[in-house]
């Protein structure tokens, strides 16, 4: 097989698998993970069962590949704007350059599964673990160019961001990725705030 034919075949495989995954996500949103069958998936995707089993062992195999693929994309999207630099200044990050929130917005139907009760098994845990992996790879530096070594500092930043993202997803991603990125950047740039009880 020539290189060009091989590439065409790879694209066809990726496209077919993507169609199965897209319809799988929609079906889980409609009827819950436990109620989705391979028959449902192939009928909705308008393929036969033999094509499905050419690429996946069962719906669990499809679900595992889907989750792994999208969470890997999440990690890459987070790092993409910072590929050419080791140190990042919040003040210099533009909301429009934040590929991380753009990725979540583009995959909002998948991430909407996080708020479902009958969702892909282990999805919330895997998402949170990937989030921890992303944030714990960050070293925060103060104004004196010294590493911030406060206990739980990364965890605090991570869970705050996690909460903002979950709230955005639960609200249907009505705000644009740029608005959410801008809000979070403003929070991260804020050093001190006063508070009062209602």
Protein backbone atom coordinates (compact mmCIF):
# COMPACT_ATOMS: atom_id res chain seq x y z
CA UNK A 1 0.00 0.00 0.00
CA UNK A 2 1.35 3.41 -0.96
CA UNK A 3 1.94 6.11 1.63
CA UNK A 4 -0.95 8.17 0.24
CA UNK A 5 -3.34 5.21 0.34
CA UNK A 6 -2.23 4.47 3.89
CA UNK A 7 -2.98 8.06 4.95
CA UNK A 8 -6.38 7.90 3.26
CA UNK A 9 -7.12 4.64 5.07
CA UNK A 10 -6.05 6.15 8.40
CA UNK A 11 -8.30 9.16 7.84
CA UNK A 12 -11.22 6.87 7.00
CA UNK A 13 -10.65 4.84 10.16
CA UNK A 14 -10.43 7.99 12.33
CA UNK A 15 -13.58 9.38 10.71
CA UNK A 16 -15.55 6.16 11.23
CA UNK A 17 -14.45 5.85 14.85
CA UNK A 18 -15.26 9.51 15.42
CA UNK A 19 -18.81 8.97 14.11
CA UNK A 20 -19.33 6.07 16.52
CA UNK A 21 -17.99 8.16 19.43
CA UNK A 22 -20.13 11.19 18.57
CA UNK A 23 -23.32 9.14 18.51
CA UNK A 24 -22.30 7.28 21.65
CA UNK A 25 -21.97 10.58 23.53
CA UNK A 26 -25.41 11.69 22.31
CA UNK A 27 -26.99 8.39 23.32
CA UNK A 28 -25.48 8.50 26.82
CA UNK A 29 -26.81 12.04 27.23
CA UNK A 30 -30.26 10.91 26.09
CA UNK A 31 -30.74 7.63 27.95
CA UNK A 32 -27.83 7.08 30.34
CA UNK A 33 -24.77 4.89 29.94
CA UNK A 34 -26.32 1.67 31.27
CA UNK A 35 -29.16 1.80 28.76
CA UNK A 36 -26.98 2.30 25.69
CA UNK A 37 -26.30 -0.86 23.64
CA UNK A 38 -24.03 -1.59 20.69
CA UNK A 39 -27.20 -1.94 18.61
CA UNK A 40 -28.21 1.60 19.60
CA UNK A 41 -24.81 2.92 18.58
CA UNK A 42 -24.64 1.23 15.17
CA UNK A 43 -28.23 2.13 14.31
CA UNK A 44 -27.73 5.77 15.24
CA UNK A 45 -24.39 5.92 13.38
CA UNK A 46 -25.94 4.11 10.38
CA UNK A 47 -23.24 1.42 10.27
CA UNK A 48 -23.47 -2.34 10.68
CA UNK A 49 -22.29 -4.27 13.73
CA UNK A 50 -19.35 -5.82 11.88
CA UNK A 51 -17.93 -2.34 11.25
CA UNK A 52 -18.29 -1.48 14.94
CA UNK A 53 -16.51 -4.68 16.01
CA UNK A 54 -13.76 -3.99 13.53
CA UNK A 55 -12.69 -1.08 15.75
CA UNK A 56 -14.09 -1.79 19.23
CA UNK A 57 -14.56 -4.92 21.36
CA UNK A 58 -17.69 -3.54 23.01
CA UNK A 59 -19.19 -0.27 24.24
CA UNK A 60 -16.81 -0.28 27.23
CA UNK A 61 -13.85 -0.35 24.85
CA UNK A 62 -15.32 2.57 22.89
CA UNK A 63 -15.94 4.51 26.11
CA UNK A 64 -12.39 3.93 27.39
CA UNK A 65 -10.81 5.05 24.11
CA UNK A 66 -13.08 8.10 23.98
CA UNK A 67 -12.24 9.23 27.53
CA UNK A 68 -8.50 8.65 27.09
CA UNK A 69 -8.46 10.50 23.76
CA UNK A 70 -10.33 13.59 24.97
CA UNK A 71 -8.48 13.89 28.27
CA UNK A 72 -5.18 13.66 26.39
CA UNK A 73 -6.45 16.49 24.17
CA UNK A 74 -7.32 18.45 27.33
CA UNK A 75 -3.73 18.14 28.55
CA UNK A 76 -2.31 19.18 25.17
CA UNK A 77 -4.71 22.13 24.95
CA UNK A 78 -3.61 23.37 28.37
CA UNK A 79 0.07 23.30 27.38
CA UNK A 80 -0.29 24.56 23.80
CA UNK A 81 -0.11 28.33 24.48
CA UNK A 82 3.01 27.85 26.62
CA UNK A 83 5.07 25.57 24.36
CA UNK A 84 7.71 28.23 23.69
CA UNK A 85 8.20 29.45 27.23
CA UNK A 86 9.08 28.03 30.64
CA UNK A 87 7.73 30.93 32.71
CA UNK A 88 4.24 32.36 32.25
CA UNK A 89 3.01 35.70 33.56
CA UNK A 90 -0.75 35.80 34.15
CA UNK A 91 -0.79 39.46 33.12
CA UNK A 92 0.45 38.53 29.65
CA UNK A 93 -2.00 35.71 28.96
CA UNK A 94 -4.77 36.74 26.60
CA UNK A 95 -8.15 35.00 27.06
CA UNK A 96 -8.32 34.51 23.29
CA UNK A 97 -5.10 32.46 23.42
CA UNK A 98 -6.47 29.98 25.95
CA UNK A 99 -6.80 26.74 23.99
CA UNK A 100 -7.77 24.91 27.21
CA UNK A 101 -11.20 26.53 27.52
CA UNK A 102 -11.70 26.44 23.77
CA UNK A 103 -11.17 22.67 23.89
CA UNK A 104 -13.74 22.25 26.67
CA UNK A 105 -16.22 24.40 24.75
CA UNK A 106 -15.72 22.40 21.54
CA UNK A 107 -16.20 19.16 23.48
CA UNK A 108 -18.99 20.48 25.72
CA UNK A 109 -21.34 17.58 24.89
CA UNK A 110 -18.72 15.14 26.15
CA UNK A 111 -17.91 17.20 29.26
CA UNK A 112 -21.64 17.53 29.91
CA UNK A 113 -21.50 13.83 30.81
CA UNK A 114 -19.64 14.85 33.99
CA UNK A 115 -22.85 16.14 35.55
CA UNK A 116 -24.88 13.01 34.75
CA UNK A 117 -25.64 10.37 37.34
CA UNK A 118 -25.68 7.46 34.87
CA UNK A 119 -22.54 8.41 32.99
CA UNK A 120 -19.45 6.60 31.71
CA UNK A 121 -18.09 4.70 34.73
CA UNK A 122 -15.12 6.45 36.32
CA UNK A 123 -15.40 9.55 34.11
CA UNK A 124 -15.47 12.10 36.95
CA UNK A 125 -12.51 10.44 38.68
CA UNK A 126 -10.46 10.27 35.48
CA UNK A 127 -11.24 13.91 34.67
CA UNK A 128 -10.21 15.04 38.15
CA UNK A 129 -7.05 12.94 38.04
CA UNK A 130 -6.08 14.47 34.69
CA UNK A 131 -6.79 17.91 36.14
CA UNK A 132 -4.53 17.16 39.11
CA UNK A 133 -1.82 15.91 36.76
CA UNK A 134 -2.00 19.15 34.77
CA UNK A 135 -1.93 21.49 37.77
CA UNK A 136 0.68 19.63 39.79
CA UNK A 137 3.09 19.96 36.87
CA UNK A 138 3.02 23.72 37.48
CA UNK A 139 5.51 25.50 39.73
CA UNK A 140 4.23 28.86 40.97
CA UNK A 141 6.73 31.68 41.37
CA UNK A 142 6.23 34.83 43.44
CA UNK A 143 7.23 38.43 42.60
CA UNK A 144 10.73 37.80 43.95
CA UNK A 145 11.20 34.94 41.46
CA UNK A 146 11.08 32.37 44.26
CA UNK A 147 9.11 29.16 44.17
CA UNK A 148 5.95 29.23 46.27
CA UNK A 149 6.20 26.24 48.58
CA UNK A 150 3.07 26.72 50.66
CA UNK A 151 1.39 23.42 51.49
CA UNK A 152 -1.71 22.79 49.37
CA UNK A 153 -1.10 25.85 47.16
CA UNK A 154 -1.37 23.87 43.90
CA UNK A 155 -4.34 21.95 45.25
CA UNK A 156 -6.09 25.21 46.14
CA UNK A 157 -5.53 26.63 42.65
CA UNK A 158 -6.54 23.37 41.02
CA UNK A 159 -9.81 22.86 42.88
CA UNK A 160 -10.76 26.51 42.37
CA UNK A 161 -10.29 26.14 38.62
CA UNK A 162 -12.06 22.77 38.68
CA UNK A 163 -15.07 24.36 40.38
CA UNK A 164 -15.24 27.20 37.86
CA UNK A 165 -15.13 24.74 34.96
CA UNK A 166 -17.79 22.44 36.45
CA UNK A 167 -20.06 25.43 37.06
CA UNK A 168 -19.53 26.55 33.45
CA UNK A 169 -20.34 23.06 32.14
CA UNK A 170 -23.41 22.72 34.37
CA UNK A 171 -24.63 26.06 33.05
CA UNK A 172 -24.43 24.76 29.49
CA UNK A 173 -21.27 26.70 28.55
CA UNK A 174 -23.35 29.82 27.88
CA UNK A 175 -20.38 32.12 28.47
CA UNK A 176 -17.72 32.05 25.79
CA UNK A 177 -14.33 30.36 26.41
CA UNK A 178 -12.76 33.83 26.36
CA UNK A 179 -15.11 35.10 29.11
CA UNK A 180 -14.39 32.11 31.36
CA UNK A 181 -10.64 32.36 30.72
CA UNK A 182 -10.75 36.09 31.49
CA UNK A 183 -12.70 35.52 34.73
CA UNK A 184 -10.27 32.86 35.92
CA UNK A 185 -7.22 34.90 34.99
CA UNK A 186 -8.59 37.85 36.97
CA UNK A 187 -9.09 35.57 39.97
CA UNK A 188 -5.54 34.23 39.67
CA UNK A 189 -4.12 37.75 39.41
CA UNK A 190 -5.98 38.94 42.52
CA UNK A 191 -3.67 38.94 45.53
CA UNK A 192 -5.90 40.19 48.30
CA UNK A 193 -9.63 40.64 48.77
CA UNK A 194 -11.74 41.79 51.66
CA UNK A 195 -14.87 39.92 52.56
CA UNK A 196 -17.90 40.43 54.74
CA UNK A 197 -20.73 38.23 55.90
CA UNK A 198 -24.23 38.83 54.61
